[in-house]
PDB file of N, CA and C in Angstrom:
ATOM      1  N   MET A   1      53.056  43.164 122.068  1.00  0.00           N
ATOM      2  CA  MET A   1      52.700  42.755 123.314  1.00  0.00           C
ATOM      3  C   MET A   1      53.472  41.808 123.292  1.00  0.00           C
ATOM      4  N   HIS A   2      52.759  40.436 122.560  1.00  0.00           N
ATOM      5  CA  HIS A   2      53.419  39.377 122.544  1.00  0.00           C
ATOM      6  C   HIS A   2      54.745  39.048 122.477  1.00  0.00           C
ATOM      7  N   SER A   3      55.992  40.095 121.949  1.00  0.00           N
ATOM      8  CA  SER A   3      57.409  39.819 121.708  1.00  0.00           C
ATOM      9  C   SER A   3      58.031  40.185 123.150  1.00  0.00           C
ATOM     10  N   LEU A   4      57.336  40.820 124.001  1.00  0.00           N
ATOM     11  CA  LEU A   4      57.761  40.982 125.391  1.00  0.00           C
ATOM     12  C   LEU A   4      58.367  40.025 126.399  1.00  0.00           C
ATOM     13  N   LYS A   5      59.235  40.062 127.101  1.00  0.00           N
ATOM     14  CA  LYS A   5      60.010  39.370 127.661  1.00  0.00           C
ATOM     15  C   LYS A   5      58.688  39.452 129.042  1.00  0.00           C
ATOM     16  N   PRO A   6      58.727  37.669 129.833  1.00  0.00           N
ATOM     17  CA  PRO A   6      57.813  38.022 130.398  1.00  0.00           C
ATOM     18  C   PRO A   6      57.916  39.139 132.088  1.00  0.00           C
ATOM     19  N   THR A   7      59.150  39.146 132.105  1.00  0.00           N
ATOM     20  CA  THR A   7      59.400  39.933 133.194  1.00  0.00           C
ATOM     21  C   THR A   7      59.113  41.551 132.579  1.00  0.00           C
ATOM     22  N   ARG A   8      59.354  41.746 132.106  1.00  0.00           N
ATOM     23  CA  ARG A   8      59.179  43.281 131.098  1.00  0.00           C
ATOM     24  C   ARG A   8      57.319  43.423 131.066  1.00  0.00           C
ATOM     25  N   ARG A   9      56.508  42.139 130.689  1.00  0.00           N
ATOM     26  CA  ARG A   9      54.967  41.858 130.636  1.00  0.00           C
ATOM     27  C   ARG A   9      54.485  42.508 132.256  1.00  0.00           C
ATOM     28  N   ALA A  10      55.297  41.798 133.379  1.00  0.00           N
ATOM     29  CA  ALA A  10      54.522  41.658 134.252  1.00  0.00           C
ATOM     30  C   ALA A  10      55.139  43.118 134.742  1.00  0.00           C
ATOM     31  N   PHE A  11      56.099  43.786 134.418  1.00  0.00           N
ATOM     32  CA  PHE A  11      56.531  44.909 135.162  1.00  0.00           C
ATOM     33  C   PHE A  11      55.627  46.273 134.651  1.00  0.00           C
ATOM     34  N   TYR A  12      55.102  45.917 133.541  1.00  0.00           N
ATOM     35  CA  TYR A  12      54.257  47.115 133.143  1.00  0.00           C
ATOM     36  C   TYR A  12      52.901  46.932 133.038  1.00  0.00           C
ATOM     37  N   ARG A  13      52.601  45.369 134.329  1.00  0.00           N
ATOM     38  CA  ARG A  13      50.878  45.306 134.284  1.00  0.00           C
ATOM     39  C   ARG A  13      51.245  46.427 136.285  1.00  0.00           C
ATOM     40  N   ILE A  14      52.243  46.574 136.743  1.00  0.00           N
ATOM     41  CA  ILE A  14      52.339  47.464 137.813  1.00  0.00           C
ATOM     42  C   ILE A  14      51.053  48.867 137.527  1.00  0.00           C
ATOM     43  N   PRO A  15      50.298  48.985 138.603  1.00  0.00           N
ATOM     44  CA  PRO A  15      49.356  50.118 138.189  1.00  0.00           C
ATOM     45  C   PRO A  15      49.858  51.147 138.028  1.00  0.00           C
ATOM     46  N   VAL A  16      50.498  52.143 138.556  1.00  0.00           N
ATOM     47  CA  VAL A  16      51.271  53.712 138.219  1.00  0.00           C
ATOM     48  C   VAL A  16      52.636  53.304 137.448  1.00  0.00           C
ATOM     49  N   ILE A  17      53.046  52.950 137.813  1.00  0.00           N
ATOM     50  CA  ILE A  17      54.444  52.876 137.772  1.00  0.00           C
ATOM     51  C   ILE A  17      54.878  52.168 136.655  1.00  0.00           C
ATOM     52  N   GLY A  18      54.011  50.992 136.158  1.00  0.00           N
ATOM     53  CA  GLY A  18      54.392  50.150 134.990  1.00  0.00           C
ATOM     54  C   GLY A  18      53.637  51.234 133.906  1.00  0.00           C
ATOM     55  N   TRP A  19      52.690  51.776 134.288  1.00  0.00           N
ATOM     56  CA  TRP A  19      52.172  52.534 132.955  1.00  0.00           C
ATOM     57  C   TRP A  19      53.483  53.812 132.804  1.00  0.00           C
ATOM     58  N   ILE A  20      53.895  54.283 133.350  1.00  0.00           N
ATOM     59  CA  ILE A  20      54.964  55.294 133.119  1.00  0.00           C
ATOM     60  C   ILE A  20      56.388  54.507 133.086  1.00  0.00           C
ATOM     61  N   ALA A  21      56.648  53.480 133.057  1.00  0.00           N
ATOM     62  CA  ALA A  21      57.694  52.831 132.765  1.00  0.00           C
ATOM     63  C   ALA A  21      57.183  52.458 130.706  1.00  0.00           C
ATOM     64  N   ARG A  22      56.028  52.083 130.866  1.00  0.00           N
ATOM     65  CA  ARG A  22      55.937  51.473 129.588  1.00  0.00           C
ATOM     66  C   ARG A  22      55.503  52.890 128.283  1.00  0.00           C
ATOM     67  N   ASP A  23      55.360  53.725 128.921  1.00  0.00           N
ATOM     68  CA  ASP A  23      55.448  55.523 128.346  1.00  0.00           C
ATOM     69  C   ASP A  23      56.681  55.332 127.785  1.00  0.00           C
ATOM     70  N   LEU A  24      57.354  55.773 128.777  1.00  0.00           N
ATOM     71  CA  LEU A  24      58.702  56.231 128.764  1.00  0.00           C
ATOM     72  C   LEU A  24      59.743  55.289 127.767  1.00  0.00           C
ATOM     73  N   ALA A  25      59.079  53.618 127.855  1.00  0.00           N
ATOM     74  CA  ALA A  25      59.987  53.087 126.829  1.00  0.00           C
ATOM     75  C   ALA A  25      59.397  52.907 125.318  1.00  0.00           C
ATOM     76  N   GLU A  26      58.415  53.289 125.574  1.00  0.00           N
ATOM     77  CA  GLU A  26      57.632  52.894 123.865  1.00  0.00           C
ATOM     78  C   GLU A  26      57.132  54.271 123.238  1.00  0.00           C
ATOM     79  N   GLY A  27      56.896  54.801 124.160  1.00  0.00           N
ATOM     80  CA  GLY A  27      55.613  56.889 123.568  1.00  0.00           C
ATOM     81  C   GLY A  27      57.097  57.482 123.337  1.00  0.00           C
ATOM     82  N   ASP A  28      56.245  58.600 123.421  1.00  0.00           N
ATOM     83  CA  ASP A  28      57.080  59.461 122.596  1.00  0.00           C
ATOM     84  C   ASP A  28      58.136  60.421 123.645  1.00  0.00           C
ATOM     85  N   PRO A  29      59.584  60.781 123.302  1.00  0.00           N
ATOM     86  CA  PRO A  29      60.221  60.916 123.473  1.00  0.00           C
ATOM     87  C   PRO A  29      60.325  62.220 124.771  1.00  0.00           C
ATOM     88  N   ASP A  30      59.691  63.051 124.416  1.00  0.00           N
ATOM     89  CA  ASP A  30      59.322  63.996 125.319  1.00  0.00           C
ATOM     90  C   ASP A  30      58.544  64.225 126.382  1.00  0.00           C
ATOM     91  N   ASN A  31      58.525  62.517 126.596  1.00  0.00           N
ATOM     92  CA  ASN A  31      57.920  62.233 128.261  1.00  0.00           C
ATOM     93  C   ASN A  31      58.828  62.255 129.121  1.00  0.00           C
ATOM     94  N   ILE A  32      60.262  62.018 128.862  1.00  0.00           N
ATOM     95  CA  ILE A  32      61.039  62.150 129.815  1.00  0.00           C
ATOM     96  C   ILE A  32      60.436  63.131 130.811  1.00  0.00           C
ATOM     97  N   TRP A  33      60.555  64.925 130.052  1.00  0.00           N
ATOM     98  CA  TRP A  33      60.167  65.560 130.336  1.00  0.00           C
ATOM     99  C   TRP A  33      59.199  65.686 131.327  1.00  0.00           C
ATOM    100  N   TYR A  34      58.330  65.415 131.201  1.00  0.00           N
ATOM    101  CA  TYR A  34      56.598  65.685 131.646  1.00  0.00           C
ATOM    102  C   TYR A  34      56.962  64.388 133.081  1.00  0.00           C
ATOM    103  N   LEU A  35      57.589  63.621 132.903  1.00  0.00           N
ATOM    104  CA  LEU A  35      57.877  63.219 134.125  1.00  0.00           C
ATOM    105  C   LEU A  35      58.635  63.435 135.294  1.00  0.00           C
ATOM    106  N   LEU A  36      59.357  64.381 134.543  1.00  0.00           N
ATOM    107  CA  LEU A  36      60.439  65.178 135.403  1.00  0.00           C
ATOM    108  C   LEU A  36      60.140  66.287 135.949  1.00  0.00           C
ATOM    109  N   THR A  37      58.956  67.000 135.146  1.00  0.00           N
ATOM    110  CA  THR A  37      58.093  67.994 135.971  1.00  0.00           C
ATOM    111  C   THR A  37      57.659  67.468 136.901  1.00  0.00           C
ATOM    112  N   ALA A  38      56.623  66.743 136.750  1.00  0.00           N
ATOM    113  CA  ALA A  38      55.844  65.868 137.677  1.00  0.00           C
ATOM    114  C   ALA A  38      56.361  65.572 138.898  1.00  0.00           C
ATOM    115  N   ILE A  39      57.948  65.156 138.815  1.00  0.00           N
ATOM    116  CA  ILE A  39      58.489  64.745 140.209  1.00  0.00           C
ATOM    117  C   ILE A  39      59.032  65.963 140.214  1.00  0.00           C
ATOM    118  N   ILE A  40      58.941  66.966 140.039  1.00  0.00           N
ATOM    119  CA  ILE A  40      59.515  68.153 140.830  1.00  0.00           C
ATOM    120  C   ILE A  40      58.608  69.037 141.542  1.00  0.00           C
ATOM    121  N   SER A  41      57.526  69.112 140.949  1.00  0.00           N
ATOM    122  CA  SER A  41      56.322  69.378 141.214  1.00  0.00           C
ATOM    123  C   SER A  41      55.332  68.893 142.381  1.00  0.00           C
ATOM    124  N   LEU A  42      55.864  67.524 142.492  1.00  0.00           N
ATOM    125  CA  LEU A  42      55.494  66.839 143.738  1.00  0.00           C
ATOM    126  C   LEU A  42      56.697  67.240 144.996  1.00  0.00           C
ATOM    127  N   TRP A  43      57.400  67.191 145.127  1.00  0.00           N
ATOM    128  CA  TRP A  43      58.475  67.804 145.839  1.00  0.00           C
ATOM    129  C   TRP A  43      58.335  69.077 146.165  1.00  0.00           C
ATOM    130  N   ILE A  44      57.958  69.859 144.814  1.00  0.00           N
ATOM    131  CA  ILE A  44      57.938  71.420 145.835  1.00  0.00           C
ATOM    132  C   ILE A  44      56.499  71.603 146.637  1.00  0.00           C
ATOM    133  N   ILE A  45      55.387  70.461 146.257  1.00  0.00           N
ATOM    134  CA  ILE A  45      54.193  70.385 147.137  1.00  0.00           C
ATOM    135  C   ILE A  45      54.545  69.749 148.415  1.00  0.00           C
ATOM    136  N   ALA A  46      55.336  68.769 148.506  1.00  0.00           N
ATOM    137  CA  ALA A  46      55.815  68.324 149.571  1.00  0.00           C
ATOM    138  C   ALA A  46      56.703  68.977 150.452  1.00  0.00           C
ATOM    139  N   VAL A  47      57.486  69.880 150.179  1.00  0.00           N
ATOM    140  CA  VAL A  47      57.890  70.444 151.274  1.00  0.00           C
ATOM    141  C   VAL A  47      56.975  71.970 151.401  1.00  0.00           C
ATOM    142  N   GLY A  48      56.367  72.405 150.543  1.00  0.00           N
ATOM    143  CA  GLY A  48      55.386  73.463 150.921  1.00  0.00           C
ATOM    144  C   GLY A  48      54.379  72.675 151.758  1.00  0.00           C
ATOM    145  N   THR A  49      53.940  71.737 152.186  1.00  0.00           N
ATOM    146  CA  THR A  49      52.972  70.862 153.540  1.00  0.00           C
ATOM    147  C   THR A  49      53.837  70.558 154.474  1.00  0.00           C
ATOM    148  N   TRP A  50      54.954  69.637 154.441  1.00  0.00           N
ATOM    149  CA  TRP A  50      55.488  69.115 155.547  1.00  0.00           C
ATOM    150  C   TRP A  50      56.573  70.156 155.687  1.00  0.00           C
ATOM    151  N   GLY A  51      57.400  71.092 155.100  1.00  0.00           N
ATOM    152  CA  GLY A  51      58.309  71.803 155.236  1.00  0.00           C
ATOM    153  C   GLY A  51      59.831  71.142 155.424  1.00  0.00           C
ATOM    154  N   LEU A  52      60.787  71.330 155.975  1.00  0.00           N
ATOM    155  CA  LEU A  52      61.727  71.212 155.329  1.00  0.00           C
ATOM    156  C   LEU A  52      62.418  69.649 155.681  1.00  0.00           C
ATOM    157  N   PRO A  53      61.905  68.573 156.666  1.00  0.00           N
ATOM    158  CA  PRO A  53      61.892  67.206 156.503  1.00  0.00           C
ATOM    159  C   PRO A  53      61.582  66.672 155.080  1.00  0.00           C
ATOM    160  N   ALA A  54      60.890  67.353 154.262  1.00  0.00           N
ATOM    161  CA  ALA A  54      60.888  66.704 152.971  1.00  0.00           C
ATOM    162  C   ALA A  54      61.600  67.577 152.094  1.00  0.00           C
ATOM    163  N   LEU A  55      62.029  68.392 152.675  1.00  0.00           N
ATOM    164  CA  LEU A  55      62.793  69.350 151.411  1.00  0.00           C
ATOM    165  C   LEU A  55      64.586  68.211 151.222  1.00  0.00           C
ATOM    166  N   TYR A  56      64.812  67.734 152.662  1.00  0.00           N
ATOM    167  CA  TYR A  56      65.940  67.295 153.418  1.00  0.00           C
ATOM    168  C   TYR A  56      66.150  65.521 153.058  1.00  0.00           C
ATOM    169  N   LEU A  57      64.873  64.922 153.051  1.00  0.00           N
ATOM    170  CA  LEU A  57      64.808  63.414 152.856  1.00  0.00           C
ATOM    171  C   LEU A  57      65.254  63.118 151.707  1.00  0.00           C
ATOM    172  N   PRO A  58      65.101  63.582 150.074  1.00  0.00           N
ATOM    173  CA  PRO A  58      65.353  63.087 149.161  1.00  0.00           C
ATOM    174  C   PRO A  58      67.254  62.918 148.985  1.00  0.00           C
ATOM    175  N   ALA A  59      68.092  64.004 149.710  1.00  0.00           N
ATOM    176  CA  ALA A  59      69.305  64.212 149.989  1.00  0.00           C
ATOM    177  C   ALA A  59      69.914  62.466 150.908  1.00  0.00           C
ATOM    178  N   VAL A  60      68.567  62.977 151.996  1.00  0.00           N
ATOM    179  CA  VAL A  60      69.062  61.562 152.973  1.00  0.00           C
ATOM    180  C   VAL A  60      69.453  60.038 152.162  1.00  0.00           C
ATOM    181  N   ALA A  61      67.969  60.359 151.352  1.00  0.00           N
ATOM    182  CA  ALA A  61      67.457  58.934 150.652  1.00  0.00           C
ATOM    183  C   ALA A  61      69.045  58.776 149.397  1.00  0.00           C
ATOM    184  N   LEU A  62      69.595  59.514 149.122  1.00  0.00           N
ATOM    185  CA  LEU A  62      70.535  59.525 148.018  1.00  0.00           C
ATOM    186  C   LEU A  62      72.101  59.413 148.330  1.00  0.00           C
ATOM    187  N   SER A  63      72.108  59.252 149.602  1.00  0.00           N
ATOM    188  CA  SER A  63      74.070  59.320 150.614  1.00  0.00           C
ATOM    189  C   SER A  63      73.828  58.273 150.005  1.00  0.00           C
ATOM    190  N   PRO A  64      73.641  57.166 150.035  1.00  0.00           N
ATOM    191  CA  PRO A  64      74.381  55.856 149.744  1.00  0.00           C
ATOM    192  C   PRO A  64      75.107  55.570 148.451  1.00  0.00           C
ATOM    193  N   LEU A  65      73.931  56.378 147.250  1.00  0.00           N
ATOM    194  CA  LEU A  65      74.304  56.350 146.071  1.00  0.00           C
ATOM    195  C   LEU A  65      75.570  56.864 145.798  1.00  0.00           C
ATOM    196  N   ILE A  66      75.764  58.018 146.776  1.00  0.00           N
ATOM    197  CA  ILE A  66      76.655  58.848 146.368  1.00  0.00           C
ATOM    198  C   ILE A  66      78.153  58.637 147.207  1.00  0.00           C
ATOM    199  N   LEU A  67      78.129  58.002 148.295  1.00  0.00           N
ATOM    200  CA  LEU A  67      79.170  57.209 148.913  1.00  0.00           C
ATOM    201  C   LEU A  67      79.435  55.871 147.459  1.00  0.00           C
ATOM    202  N   VAL A  68      78.727  55.687 146.904  1.00  0.00           N
ATOM    203  CA  VAL A  68      79.087  54.233 145.769  1.00  0.00           C
ATOM    204  C   VAL A  68      79.714  55.051 145.251  1.00  0.00           C
ATOM    205  N   ALA A  69      79.655  56.065 144.468  1.00  0.00           N
ATOM    206  CA  ALA A  69      79.769  56.772 143.540  1.00  0.00           C
ATOM    207  C   ALA A  69      81.550  57.395 143.769  1.00  0.00           C
ATOM    208  N   LEU A  70      81.280  58.037 145.263  1.00  0.00           N
ATOM    209  CA  LEU A  70      82.675  58.300 145.633  1.00  0.00           C
ATOM    210  C   LEU A  70      84.120  57.397 145.562  1.00  0.00           C
ATOM    211  N   VAL A  71      83.614  55.868 146.079  1.00  0.00           N
ATOM    212  CA  VAL A  71      84.165  54.708 145.895  1.00  0.00           C
ATOM    213  C   VAL A  71      84.811  54.384 144.929  1.00  0.00           C
ATOM    214  N   ALA A  72      83.915  53.973 143.786  1.00  0.00           N
ATOM    215  CA  ALA A  72      83.962  54.329 142.752  1.00  0.00           C
ATOM    216  C   ALA A  72      85.282  54.970 141.741  1.00  0.00           C
ATOM    217  N   LEU A  73      84.689  56.333 142.313  1.00  0.00           N
ATOM    218  CA  LEU A  73      85.673  57.320 141.897  1.00  0.00           C
ATOM    219  C   LEU A  73      87.063  57.199 142.506  1.00  0.00           C
ATOM    220  N   THR A  74      87.115  56.912 143.460  1.00  0.00           N
ATOM    221  CA  THR A  74      88.669  57.045 143.987  1.00  0.00           C
ATOM    222  C   THR A  74      89.433  55.814 143.546  1.00  0.00           C
ATOM    223  N   ARG A  75      88.342  54.531 143.215  1.00  0.00           N
ATOM    224  CA  ARG A  75      89.031  53.075 142.797  1.00  0.00           C
ATOM    225  C   ARG A  75      89.859  53.131 141.608  1.00  0.00           C
ATOM    226  N   GLY A  76      89.605  54.009 140.779  1.00  0.00           N
ATOM    227  CA  GLY A  76      89.414  54.089 139.278  1.00  0.00           C
ATOM    228  C   GLY A  76      88.826  53.951 138.461  1.00  0.00           C
TER     229      GLY A  76
END
């Protein structure tokens, strides 16, 4: 832990996100699949709880990223 950069060490101290990031960076390679399963499960639970708005909000949140990707593709 002493060889880590101060920014990475500070990031790892964030309660839930830091633990997940450290586990992905330094843990078992299969941990990414557990994280993806947990995210998809939470999304399904949110759709069951709140309905269609929970289904559409990730697409709305990612639309700026898709716009940047389309502009990057057209520029070459």
